[in-house]
Amino acid sequence: MKLSVWAKKQGVSYRTAWQYFKDGKLPVRATQLPSGTVVVEEPEESRVVNKVAVYARVSSSDQKNDLITQLDRISQFANASGHQVAIAVSEVGSGLNGKRPKLLKLLEDQTIDLIIVEHRDRFTRFGFEYIEAAMKAQGRKILVMDCRELEDDLVRDMTEVLTSFCARLYGRRAAKRKAALAIEAMKSNE
């Protein structure tokens, strides 16, 4: 893009951008053409995604049929979005468990540029933001297909805390159901 377009996107004047270029302080790569026009290279974020993986998870083995349909929905979404799926990973295990070998292997593979999941909680119950930030630092992304889970941060945080406590009290399998019952009880008392 031209230096003037870049300056406008950055919210600086063209003169300031030109001075940065002359002083060698421009934070992006730029070259001057023989005509005098300065061309700025596109930022790293606009790079092409090369390798895409889809990840599906269910909590227990009696939900294996759901696992297959979940994987199909994610793959269809990826294809409709113009991504070619290179790897499809499915796993049975609790979202509270940090020792899911297939997910860990997927996260370790730095050749994967994009991981697509159906819901945040299918990926992990806690720490989604940390994993997302770590991947972003490596130039990778997580794409959540359905972001409509819980819009309110406070409600989502409370649900996660209740799920954690219920997992300790009642066992991991019943935790989600018990947390949902606790939230319904709180709503009915309002």
N, C-alpha and C. Protein backbone atom coordinates (compact mmCIF):
# COMPACT_ATOMS: atom_id res chain seq x y z
N MET A 1 0.85 -1.17 0.00
CA MET A 1 0.00 0.00 0.00
C MET A 1 0.90 1.23 0.00
N LYS A 2 0.34 2.33 -0.46
CA LYS A 2 1.09 3.57 -0.50
C LYS A 2 1.27 4.11 0.91
N LEU A 3 2.33 4.88 1.09
CA LEU A 3 2.64 5.45 2.39
C LEU A 3 1.50 6.33 2.90
N SER A 4 0.84 7.05 2.02
CA SER A 4 -0.27 7.91 2.43
C SER A 4 -1.44 7.09 2.99
N VAL A 5 -1.71 5.94 2.39
CA VAL A 5 -2.78 5.06 2.88
C VAL A 5 -2.40 4.48 4.23
N TRP A 6 -1.15 4.05 4.36
CA TRP A 6 -0.67 3.51 5.63
C TRP A 6 -0.77 4.55 6.73
N ALA A 7 -0.36 5.80 6.43
CA ALA A 7 -0.40 6.88 7.42
C ALA A 7 -1.83 7.12 7.89
N LYS A 8 -2.76 7.10 6.97
CA LYS A 8 -4.17 7.33 7.32
C LYS A 8 -4.68 6.22 8.22
N LYS A 9 -4.32 4.95 7.92
CA LYS A 9 -4.74 3.82 8.76
C LYS A 9 -4.15 3.90 10.16
N GLN A 10 -2.94 4.46 10.26
CA GLN A 10 -2.26 4.55 11.55
C GLN A 10 -2.68 5.78 12.34
N GLY A 11 -3.38 6.71 11.68
CA GLY A 11 -3.82 7.92 12.35
C GLY A 11 -2.73 8.97 12.50
N VAL A 12 -1.76 8.93 11.59
CA VAL A 12 -0.70 9.95 11.59
C VAL A 12 -0.76 10.70 10.27
N SER A 13 -0.16 11.86 10.25
CA SER A 13 -0.15 12.65 9.01
C SER A 13 0.84 12.04 8.02
N TYR A 14 0.64 12.37 6.75
CA TYR A 14 1.55 11.87 5.73
C TYR A 14 2.96 12.41 5.97
N ARG A 15 3.08 13.66 6.40
CA ARG A 15 4.40 14.26 6.66
C ARG A 15 5.15 13.49 7.74
N THR A 16 4.42 13.12 8.79
CA THR A 16 5.05 12.36 9.88
C THR A 16 5.53 11.00 9.37
N ALA A 17 4.67 10.32 8.60
CA ALA A 17 5.04 9.02 8.03
C ALA A 17 6.25 9.17 7.10
N TRP A 18 6.27 10.24 6.30
CA TRP A 18 7.38 10.48 5.39
C TRP A 18 8.68 10.70 6.18
N GLN A 19 8.57 11.45 7.28
CA GLN A 19 9.75 11.71 8.11
C GLN A 19 10.26 10.41 8.75
N TYR A 20 9.32 9.58 9.22
CA TYR A 20 9.70 8.26 9.76
C TYR A 20 10.44 7.46 8.70
N PHE A 21 9.94 7.47 7.47
CA PHE A 21 10.57 6.71 6.39
C PHE A 21 11.98 7.23 6.13
N LYS A 22 12.13 8.56 6.03
CA LYS A 22 13.45 9.16 5.76
C LYS A 22 14.45 8.86 6.87
N ASP A 23 13.97 8.85 8.13
CA ASP A 23 14.85 8.59 9.28
C ASP A 23 15.07 7.10 9.53
N GLY A 24 14.38 6.25 8.77
CA GLY A 24 14.51 4.81 8.97
C GLY A 24 13.79 4.31 10.22
N LYS A 25 12.80 5.05 10.67
CA LYS A 25 12.07 4.71 11.90
C LYS A 25 10.67 4.18 11.63
N LEU A 26 10.35 3.92 10.39
CA LEU A 26 9.03 3.38 10.05
C LEU A 26 8.92 1.97 10.61
N PRO A 27 7.86 1.65 11.37
CA PRO A 27 7.78 0.34 12.04
C PRO A 27 7.47 -0.84 11.11
N VAL A 28 7.28 -0.55 9.83
CA VAL A 28 7.03 -1.61 8.84
C VAL A 28 8.01 -1.44 7.69
N ARG A 29 8.16 -2.50 6.90
CA ARG A 29 9.07 -2.41 5.76
C ARG A 29 8.46 -1.57 4.65
N ALA A 30 9.28 -0.72 4.07
CA ALA A 30 8.81 0.13 2.97
C ALA A 30 9.95 0.35 1.99
N THR A 31 9.59 0.50 0.73
CA THR A 31 10.59 0.77 -0.30
C THR A 31 10.10 1.93 -1.16
N GLN A 32 11.07 2.65 -1.71
CA GLN A 32 10.74 3.78 -2.57
C GLN A 32 10.96 3.36 -4.02
N LEU A 33 9.92 3.53 -4.81
CA LEU A 33 9.98 3.19 -6.23
C LEU A 33 10.74 4.28 -6.98
N PRO A 34 11.22 3.99 -8.20
CA PRO A 34 11.92 5.01 -8.99
C PRO A 34 11.06 6.26 -9.24
N SER A 35 9.76 6.09 -9.23
CA SER A 35 8.87 7.25 -9.44
C SER A 35 8.80 8.15 -8.20
N GLY A 36 9.34 7.68 -7.07
CA GLY A 36 9.31 8.46 -5.84
C GLY A 36 8.24 7.98 -4.86
N THR A 37 7.33 7.16 -5.31
CA THR A 37 6.26 6.65 -4.45
C THR A 37 6.83 5.67 -3.44
N VAL A 38 6.42 5.83 -2.19
CA VAL A 38 6.86 4.91 -1.13
C VAL A 38 5.77 3.87 -0.95
N VAL A 39 6.16 2.59 -1.04
CA VAL A 39 5.22 1.48 -0.89
C VAL A 39 5.52 0.75 0.41
N VAL A 40 4.49 0.61 1.25
CA VAL A 40 4.61 -0.05 2.54
C VAL A 40 4.11 -1.48 2.40
N GLU A 41 4.87 -2.45 2.94
CA GLU A 41 4.43 -3.85 2.88
C GLU A 41 3.27 -4.09 3.83
N GLU A 42 2.39 -5.01 3.45
CA GLU A 42 1.23 -5.34 4.27
C GLU A 42 1.68 -5.90 5.62
N PRO A 43 0.93 -5.61 6.70
CA PRO A 43 1.28 -6.15 8.01
C PRO A 43 1.20 -7.67 8.05
N GLU A 44 1.87 -8.25 9.04
CA GLU A 44 1.94 -9.71 9.20
C GLU A 44 0.56 -10.34 9.37
N GLU A 45 -0.40 -9.63 9.98
CA GLU A 45 -1.71 -10.20 10.26
C GLU A 45 -2.47 -10.60 8.99
N SER A 46 -2.14 -9.97 7.87
CA SER A 46 -2.87 -10.26 6.65
C SER A 46 -2.27 -11.41 5.85
N ARG A 47 -1.36 -12.15 6.46
CA ARG A 47 -0.73 -13.24 5.74
C ARG A 47 -1.72 -14.38 5.48
N VAL A 48 -1.43 -15.18 4.51
CA VAL A 48 -2.30 -16.28 4.12
C VAL A 48 -2.17 -17.43 5.12
N VAL A 49 -3.30 -18.00 5.50
CA VAL A 49 -3.29 -19.14 6.40
C VAL A 49 -2.97 -20.38 5.58
N ASN A 50 -1.94 -21.11 5.99
CA ASN A 50 -1.49 -22.26 5.21
C ASN A 50 -2.10 -23.57 5.69
N LYS A 51 -2.00 -23.86 6.97
CA LYS A 51 -2.42 -25.16 7.47
C LYS A 51 -3.50 -24.97 8.53
N VAL A 52 -4.65 -25.60 8.29
CA VAL A 52 -5.81 -25.45 9.16
C VAL A 52 -6.14 -26.79 9.81
N ALA A 53 -6.42 -26.73 11.12
CA ALA A 53 -6.85 -27.92 11.85
C ALA A 53 -8.22 -27.64 12.47
N VAL A 54 -9.04 -28.67 12.57
CA VAL A 54 -10.30 -28.55 13.29
C VAL A 54 -10.22 -29.46 14.50
N TYR A 55 -10.81 -29.00 15.62
CA TYR A 55 -10.74 -29.74 16.87
C TYR A 55 -12.14 -29.88 17.46
N ALA A 56 -12.50 -31.12 17.79
CA ALA A 56 -13.79 -31.40 18.41
C ALA A 56 -13.55 -32.23 19.67
N ARG A 57 -14.38 -31.97 20.70
CA ARG A 57 -14.23 -32.70 21.96
C ARG A 57 -15.60 -32.92 22.59
N VAL A 58 -15.76 -34.10 23.19
CA VAL A 58 -16.91 -34.39 24.04
C VAL A 58 -16.37 -34.89 25.37
N SER A 59 -17.23 -34.83 26.39
CA SER A 59 -16.78 -35.15 27.74
C SER A 59 -16.72 -36.64 28.05
N SER A 60 -17.64 -37.42 27.47
CA SER A 60 -17.68 -38.85 27.83
C SER A 60 -17.86 -39.71 26.59
N SER A 61 -17.52 -40.98 26.74
CA SER A 61 -17.56 -41.90 25.60
C SER A 61 -18.98 -42.17 25.10
N ASP A 62 -20.00 -41.94 25.95
CA ASP A 62 -21.36 -42.15 25.47
C ASP A 62 -21.83 -41.03 24.53
N GLN A 63 -20.99 -40.02 24.33
CA GLN A 63 -21.30 -38.91 23.42
C GLN A 63 -20.53 -39.01 22.11
N LYS A 64 -20.01 -40.18 21.78
CA LYS A 64 -19.17 -40.32 20.59
C LYS A 64 -19.91 -39.96 19.30
N ASN A 65 -21.21 -40.22 19.24
CA ASN A 65 -21.98 -39.83 18.05
C ASN A 65 -21.99 -38.31 17.90
N ASP A 66 -22.08 -37.60 19.02
CA ASP A 66 -22.03 -36.14 18.99
C ASP A 66 -20.67 -35.65 18.49
N LEU A 67 -19.65 -36.40 18.80
CA LEU A 67 -18.29 -36.04 18.39
C LEU A 67 -18.18 -36.02 16.86
N ILE A 68 -18.75 -37.01 16.23
CA ILE A 68 -18.70 -37.11 14.76
C ILE A 68 -19.47 -35.96 14.12
N THR A 69 -20.67 -35.67 14.63
CA THR A 69 -21.46 -34.58 14.05
C THR A 69 -20.81 -33.22 14.33
N GLN A 70 -20.19 -33.07 15.48
CA GLN A 70 -19.49 -31.83 15.80
C GLN A 70 -18.34 -31.60 14.83
N LEU A 71 -17.59 -32.65 14.57
CA LEU A 71 -16.47 -32.57 13.63
C LEU A 71 -16.95 -32.22 12.22
N ASP A 72 -18.08 -32.80 11.83
CA ASP A 72 -18.66 -32.50 10.52
C ASP A 72 -19.07 -31.03 10.41
N ARG A 73 -19.73 -30.52 11.46
CA ARG A 73 -20.17 -29.11 11.45
C ARG A 73 -18.97 -28.16 11.34
N ILE A 74 -17.92 -28.45 12.08
CA ILE A 74 -16.74 -27.59 12.05
C ILE A 74 -16.07 -27.65 10.67
N SER A 75 -15.97 -28.84 10.11
CA SER A 75 -15.34 -29.00 8.79
C SER A 75 -16.14 -28.28 7.71
N GLN A 76 -17.47 -28.36 7.78
CA GLN A 76 -18.32 -27.65 6.82
C GLN A 76 -18.15 -26.14 6.95
N PHE A 77 -18.06 -25.66 8.20
CA PHE A 77 -17.85 -24.24 8.44
C PHE A 77 -16.51 -23.80 7.86
N ALA A 78 -15.48 -24.60 8.09
CA ALA A 78 -14.14 -24.26 7.59
C ALA A 78 -14.14 -24.18 6.07
N ASN A 79 -14.75 -25.16 5.43
CA ASN A 79 -14.80 -25.16 3.97
C ASN A 79 -15.61 -23.99 3.43
N ALA A 80 -16.73 -23.67 4.09
CA ALA A 80 -17.55 -22.54 3.67
C ALA A 80 -16.82 -21.21 3.86
N SER A 81 -15.89 -21.17 4.81
CA SER A 81 -15.10 -19.96 5.07
C SER A 81 -13.88 -19.87 4.16
N GLY A 82 -13.70 -20.86 3.30
CA GLY A 82 -12.59 -20.84 2.36
C GLY A 82 -11.31 -21.47 2.87
N HIS A 83 -11.39 -22.22 3.97
CA HIS A 83 -10.21 -22.88 4.53
C HIS A 83 -10.22 -24.34 4.12
N GLN A 84 -9.06 -24.84 3.76
CA GLN A 84 -8.92 -26.25 3.45
C GLN A 84 -8.37 -26.95 4.68
N VAL A 85 -9.14 -27.88 5.21
CA VAL A 85 -8.77 -28.56 6.46
C VAL A 85 -7.67 -29.58 6.17
N ALA A 86 -6.56 -29.42 6.89
CA ALA A 86 -5.43 -30.35 6.75
C ALA A 86 -5.49 -31.44 7.80
N ILE A 87 -5.95 -31.10 9.01
CA ILE A 87 -5.98 -32.05 10.11
C ILE A 87 -7.31 -31.94 10.84
N ALA A 88 -7.92 -33.08 11.12
CA ALA A 88 -9.14 -33.12 11.93
C ALA A 88 -8.84 -33.95 13.18
N VAL A 89 -9.02 -33.33 14.34
CA VAL A 89 -8.70 -34.00 15.60
C VAL A 89 -9.96 -34.06 16.45
N SER A 90 -10.25 -35.26 16.96
CA SER A 90 -11.38 -35.42 17.86
C SER A 90 -10.89 -36.14 19.11
N GLU A 91 -11.51 -35.78 20.24
CA GLU A 91 -11.02 -36.30 21.50
C GLU A 91 -12.18 -36.44 22.49
N VAL A 92 -12.07 -37.48 23.33
CA VAL A 92 -13.02 -37.68 24.42
C VAL A 92 -12.27 -37.36 25.71
N GLY A 93 -12.76 -36.37 26.44
CA GLY A 93 -12.10 -35.99 27.69
C GLY A 93 -12.72 -34.74 28.26
N SER A 94 -12.54 -34.53 29.51
CA SER A 94 -13.10 -33.39 30.20
C SER A 94 -12.42 -32.10 29.77
N GLY A 95 -13.20 -31.03 29.66
CA GLY A 95 -12.65 -29.72 29.35
C GLY A 95 -11.84 -29.17 30.50
N LEU A 96 -12.00 -29.75 31.68
CA LEU A 96 -11.23 -29.34 32.86
C LEU A 96 -9.86 -30.00 32.89
N ASN A 97 -9.70 -31.08 32.13
CA ASN A 97 -8.46 -31.84 32.13
C ASN A 97 -7.43 -31.16 31.22
N GLY A 98 -6.31 -30.79 31.78
CA GLY A 98 -5.25 -30.17 31.01
C GLY A 98 -4.32 -31.17 30.35
N LYS A 99 -4.59 -32.45 30.53
CA LYS A 99 -3.71 -33.49 29.99
C LYS A 99 -4.40 -34.26 28.88
N ARG A 100 -4.91 -33.52 27.90
CA ARG A 100 -5.52 -34.17 26.74
C ARG A 100 -4.46 -34.28 25.64
N PRO A 101 -3.95 -35.49 25.40
CA PRO A 101 -2.79 -35.65 24.52
C PRO A 101 -3.00 -35.15 23.09
N LYS A 102 -4.18 -35.34 22.53
CA LYS A 102 -4.39 -34.91 21.15
C LYS A 102 -4.40 -33.39 21.05
N LEU A 103 -5.00 -32.72 22.03
CA LEU A 103 -4.99 -31.25 22.02
C LEU A 103 -3.58 -30.73 22.22
N LEU A 104 -2.85 -31.31 23.15
CA LEU A 104 -1.47 -30.86 23.39
C LEU A 104 -0.60 -31.04 22.15
N LYS A 105 -0.77 -32.15 21.46
CA LYS A 105 -0.01 -32.38 20.23
C LYS A 105 -0.37 -31.35 19.17
N LEU A 106 -1.66 -31.02 19.09
CA LEU A 106 -2.13 -30.02 18.14
C LEU A 106 -1.54 -28.64 18.45
N LEU A 107 -1.49 -28.29 19.72
CA LEU A 107 -0.94 -27.00 20.12
C LEU A 107 0.58 -26.93 19.90
N GLU A 108 1.26 -28.06 20.05
CA GLU A 108 2.72 -28.10 19.86
C GLU A 108 3.12 -27.99 18.39
N ASP A 109 2.25 -28.39 17.48
CA ASP A 109 2.56 -28.39 16.05
C ASP A 109 2.50 -26.96 15.51
N GLN A 110 3.65 -26.32 15.38
CA GLN A 110 3.70 -24.94 14.94
C GLN A 110 3.52 -24.75 13.45
N THR A 111 3.34 -25.85 12.72
CA THR A 111 3.04 -25.71 11.29
C THR A 111 1.56 -25.41 11.08
N ILE A 112 0.76 -25.59 12.11
CA ILE A 112 -0.67 -25.30 12.02
C ILE A 112 -0.88 -23.82 12.31
N ASP A 113 -1.44 -23.11 11.33
CA ASP A 113 -1.65 -21.67 11.45
C ASP A 113 -2.98 -21.32 12.10
N LEU A 114 -3.98 -22.19 11.94
CA LEU A 114 -5.32 -21.89 12.42
C LEU A 114 -5.97 -23.15 12.97
N ILE A 115 -6.55 -23.03 14.17
CA ILE A 115 -7.32 -24.12 14.76
C ILE A 115 -8.76 -23.63 14.88
N ILE A 116 -9.68 -24.39 14.34
CA ILE A 116 -11.10 -24.01 14.39
C ILE A 116 -11.83 -24.94 15.35
N VAL A 117 -12.60 -24.35 16.28
CA VAL A 117 -13.40 -25.11 17.24
C VAL A 117 -14.84 -24.61 17.16
N GLU A 118 -15.77 -25.44 17.64
CA GLU A 118 -17.18 -25.04 17.58
C GLU A 118 -17.52 -24.04 18.68
N HIS A 119 -17.14 -24.33 19.91
CA HIS A 119 -17.38 -23.45 21.06
C HIS A 119 -16.10 -23.35 21.87
N ARG A 120 -15.97 -22.27 22.62
CA ARG A 120 -14.80 -22.10 23.48
C ARG A 120 -14.65 -23.26 24.46
N ASP A 121 -15.77 -23.68 25.05
CA ASP A 121 -15.69 -24.74 26.07
C ASP A 121 -15.38 -26.11 25.47
N ARG A 122 -15.52 -26.29 24.18
CA ARG A 122 -15.10 -27.53 23.53
C ARG A 122 -13.58 -27.58 23.46
N PHE A 123 -12.95 -26.41 23.45
CA PHE A 123 -11.49 -26.32 23.40
C PHE A 123 -10.92 -26.47 24.80
N THR A 124 -11.38 -25.61 25.71
CA THR A 124 -10.95 -25.68 27.11
C THR A 124 -11.94 -24.91 27.97
N ARG A 125 -12.10 -25.34 29.21
CA ARG A 125 -13.01 -24.66 30.13
C ARG A 125 -12.39 -23.40 30.70
N PHE A 126 -11.10 -23.45 30.99
CA PHE A 126 -10.41 -22.33 31.61
C PHE A 126 -9.19 -21.95 30.79
N GLY A 127 -8.84 -20.68 30.82
CA GLY A 127 -7.59 -20.23 30.21
C GLY A 127 -7.60 -20.09 28.71
N PHE A 128 -8.77 -20.01 28.11
CA PHE A 128 -8.85 -19.88 26.66
C PHE A 128 -8.07 -18.66 26.18
N GLU A 129 -8.21 -17.55 26.90
CA GLU A 129 -7.55 -16.31 26.51
C GLU A 129 -6.03 -16.46 26.52
N TYR A 130 -5.50 -17.22 27.47
CA TYR A 130 -4.05 -17.42 27.56
C TYR A 130 -3.53 -18.23 26.37
N ILE A 131 -4.25 -19.28 26.04
CA ILE A 131 -3.84 -20.11 24.89
C ILE A 131 -3.93 -19.28 23.61
N GLU A 132 -5.01 -18.51 23.49
CA GLU A 132 -5.20 -17.67 22.31
C GLU A 132 -4.06 -16.65 22.18
N ALA A 133 -3.67 -16.03 23.30
CA ALA A 133 -2.58 -15.05 23.27
C ALA A 133 -1.24 -15.69 22.93
N ALA A 134 -0.99 -16.88 23.47
CA ALA A 134 0.26 -17.58 23.18
C ALA A 134 0.34 -17.95 21.70
N MET A 135 -0.78 -18.40 21.15
CA MET A 135 -0.78 -18.74 19.72
C MET A 135 -0.61 -17.49 18.87
N LYS A 136 -1.23 -16.40 19.27
CA LYS A 136 -1.11 -15.14 18.52
C LYS A 136 0.34 -14.67 18.50
N ALA A 137 1.05 -14.86 19.61
CA ALA A 137 2.46 -14.48 19.68
C ALA A 137 3.30 -15.29 18.70
N GLN A 138 2.82 -16.48 18.34
CA GLN A 138 3.52 -17.32 17.37
C GLN A 138 3.02 -17.08 15.95
N GLY A 139 2.07 -16.14 15.79
CA GLY A 139 1.52 -15.88 14.46
C GLY A 139 0.44 -16.86 14.07
N ARG A 140 -0.18 -17.50 15.07
CA ARG A 140 -1.23 -18.49 14.82
C ARG A 140 -2.53 -18.00 15.43
N LYS A 141 -3.65 -18.65 15.09
CA LYS A 141 -4.95 -18.21 15.58
C LYS A 141 -5.84 -19.37 15.96
N ILE A 142 -6.80 -19.07 16.85
CA ILE A 142 -7.90 -19.98 17.16
C ILE A 142 -9.16 -19.28 16.68
N LEU A 143 -9.97 -19.98 15.91
CA LEU A 143 -11.23 -19.44 15.43
C LEU A 143 -12.37 -20.21 16.08
N VAL A 144 -13.22 -19.48 16.80
CA VAL A 144 -14.38 -20.09 17.44
C VAL A 144 -15.56 -19.93 16.50
N MET A 145 -16.13 -21.05 16.10
CA MET A 145 -17.21 -21.05 15.13
C MET A 145 -18.47 -20.38 15.67
N ASP A 146 -18.85 -20.66 16.90
CA ASP A 146 -20.07 -20.13 17.50
C ASP A 146 -19.71 -19.38 18.77
N CYS A 147 -19.67 -18.06 18.68
CA CYS A 147 -19.25 -17.22 19.81
C CYS A 147 -20.43 -16.80 20.69
N ARG A 148 -21.62 -17.28 20.43
CA ARG A 148 -22.81 -16.82 21.13
C ARG A 148 -23.02 -17.47 22.48
N GLU A 149 -22.07 -18.24 22.97
CA GLU A 149 -22.27 -19.00 24.21
C GLU A 149 -22.78 -18.12 25.34
N LEU A 150 -21.94 -17.29 25.88
CA LEU A 150 -22.33 -16.38 26.95
C LEU A 150 -21.75 -15.02 26.62
N GLU A 151 -22.61 -14.06 26.44
CA GLU A 151 -22.15 -12.73 26.07
C GLU A 151 -21.58 -11.96 27.25
N ASP A 152 -22.14 -12.17 28.42
CA ASP A 152 -21.74 -11.42 29.59
C ASP A 152 -20.52 -12.08 30.24
N ASP A 153 -19.43 -11.33 30.38
CA ASP A 153 -18.20 -11.87 30.96
C ASP A 153 -18.41 -12.34 32.40
N LEU A 154 -19.18 -11.58 33.16
CA LEU A 154 -19.41 -11.94 34.56
C LEU A 154 -20.15 -13.26 34.67
N VAL A 155 -21.16 -13.46 33.82
CA VAL A 155 -21.90 -14.72 33.83
C VAL A 155 -21.00 -15.88 33.43
N ARG A 156 -20.17 -15.66 32.40
CA ARG A 156 -19.26 -16.72 31.95
C ARG A 156 -18.25 -17.06 33.04
N ASP A 157 -17.69 -16.04 33.69
CA ASP A 157 -16.73 -16.28 34.77
C ASP A 157 -17.37 -17.04 35.92
N MET A 158 -18.59 -16.64 36.29
CA MET A 158 -19.29 -17.32 37.39
C MET A 158 -19.56 -18.78 37.03
N THR A 159 -19.95 -19.02 35.79
CA THR A 159 -20.20 -20.40 35.34
C THR A 159 -18.93 -21.23 35.42
N GLU A 160 -17.80 -20.65 35.02
CA GLU A 160 -16.53 -21.38 35.08
C GLU A 160 -16.13 -21.70 36.51
N VAL A 161 -16.33 -20.75 37.42
CA VAL A 161 -15.99 -20.98 38.83
C VAL A 161 -16.90 -22.05 39.42
N LEU A 162 -18.20 -21.96 39.14
CA LEU A 162 -19.13 -22.97 39.64
C LEU A 162 -18.82 -24.36 39.08
N THR A 163 -18.47 -24.40 37.81
CA THR A 163 -18.11 -25.68 37.19
C THR A 163 -16.89 -26.28 37.89
N SER A 164 -15.91 -25.45 38.19
CA SER A 164 -14.71 -25.92 38.88
C SER A 164 -15.04 -26.47 40.26
N PHE A 165 -15.84 -25.72 41.02
CA PHE A 165 -16.21 -26.18 42.36
C PHE A 165 -17.04 -27.46 42.30
N CYS A 166 -17.98 -27.52 41.37
CA CYS A 166 -18.81 -28.72 41.24
C CYS A 166 -17.97 -29.92 40.83
N ALA A 167 -16.95 -29.69 40.02
CA ALA A 167 -16.07 -30.79 39.61
C ALA A 167 -15.36 -31.38 40.81
N ARG A 168 -14.95 -30.52 41.72
CA ARG A 168 -14.28 -31.01 42.93
C ARG A 168 -15.25 -31.73 43.86
N LEU A 169 -16.46 -31.18 43.99
CA LEU A 169 -17.43 -31.76 44.92
C LEU A 169 -18.08 -33.04 44.40
N TYR A 170 -18.50 -33.03 43.15
CA TYR A 170 -19.33 -34.11 42.62
C TYR A 170 -18.63 -35.00 41.61
N GLY A 171 -17.42 -34.71 41.28
CA GLY A 171 -16.73 -35.47 40.24
C GLY A 171 -16.83 -34.73 38.93
N ARG A 172 -15.91 -34.98 38.08
CA ARG A 172 -15.80 -34.22 36.83
C ARG A 172 -16.97 -34.43 35.88
N ARG A 173 -17.55 -35.60 35.82
CA ARG A 173 -18.60 -35.86 34.85
C ARG A 173 -19.88 -35.10 35.14
N ALA A 174 -20.20 -34.96 36.39
CA ALA A 174 -21.45 -34.30 36.75
C ALA A 174 -21.29 -32.79 36.93
N ALA A 175 -20.08 -32.28 36.79
CA ALA A 175 -19.80 -30.88 37.11
C ALA A 175 -20.62 -29.91 36.27
N LYS A 176 -20.67 -30.11 34.98
CA LYS A 176 -21.38 -29.17 34.11
C LYS A 176 -22.87 -29.14 34.44
N ARG A 177 -23.44 -30.32 34.63
CA ARG A 177 -24.87 -30.40 34.95
C ARG A 177 -25.17 -29.73 36.28
N LYS A 178 -24.33 -29.97 37.28
CA LYS A 178 -24.54 -29.37 38.61
C LYS A 178 -24.38 -27.85 38.54
N ALA A 179 -23.42 -27.37 37.77
CA ALA A 179 -23.23 -25.93 37.63
C ALA A 179 -24.44 -25.29 36.96
N ALA A 180 -24.97 -25.95 35.95
CA ALA A 180 -26.15 -25.43 35.26
C ALA A 180 -27.35 -25.39 36.21
N LEU A 181 -27.49 -26.41 37.03
CA LEU A 181 -28.58 -26.42 38.01
C LEU A 181 -28.41 -25.29 39.03
N ALA A 182 -27.18 -25.03 39.46
CA ALA A 182 -26.92 -23.96 40.42
C ALA A 182 -27.25 -22.60 39.82
N ILE A 183 -26.89 -22.41 38.54
CA ILE A 183 -27.19 -21.13 37.89
C ILE A 183 -28.69 -20.96 37.72
N GLU A 184 -29.40 -22.02 37.35
CA GLU A 184 -30.86 -21.94 37.23
C GLU A 184 -31.50 -21.61 38.57
N ALA A 185 -30.98 -22.17 39.64
CA ALA A 185 -31.51 -21.89 40.98
C ALA A 185 -31.29 -20.42 41.33
N MET A 186 -30.13 -19.87 40.97
CA MET A 186 -29.86 -18.46 41.23
C MET A 186 -30.79 -17.56 40.43
N LYS A 187 -31.04 -17.92 39.17
CA LYS A 187 -31.93 -17.13 38.30
C LYS A 187 -33.36 -17.13 38.82
N SER A 188 -33.81 -18.28 39.34
CA SER A 188 -35.19 -18.37 39.83
C SER A 188 -35.39 -17.59 41.11
N ASN A 189 -34.32 -17.29 41.86
CA ASN A 189 -34.41 -16.54 43.10
C ASN A 189 -34.43 -15.02 42.86
N GLU A 190 -34.18 -14.59 41.63
CA GLU A 190 -34.11 -13.15 41.33
C GLU A 190 -35.44 -12.50 41.43
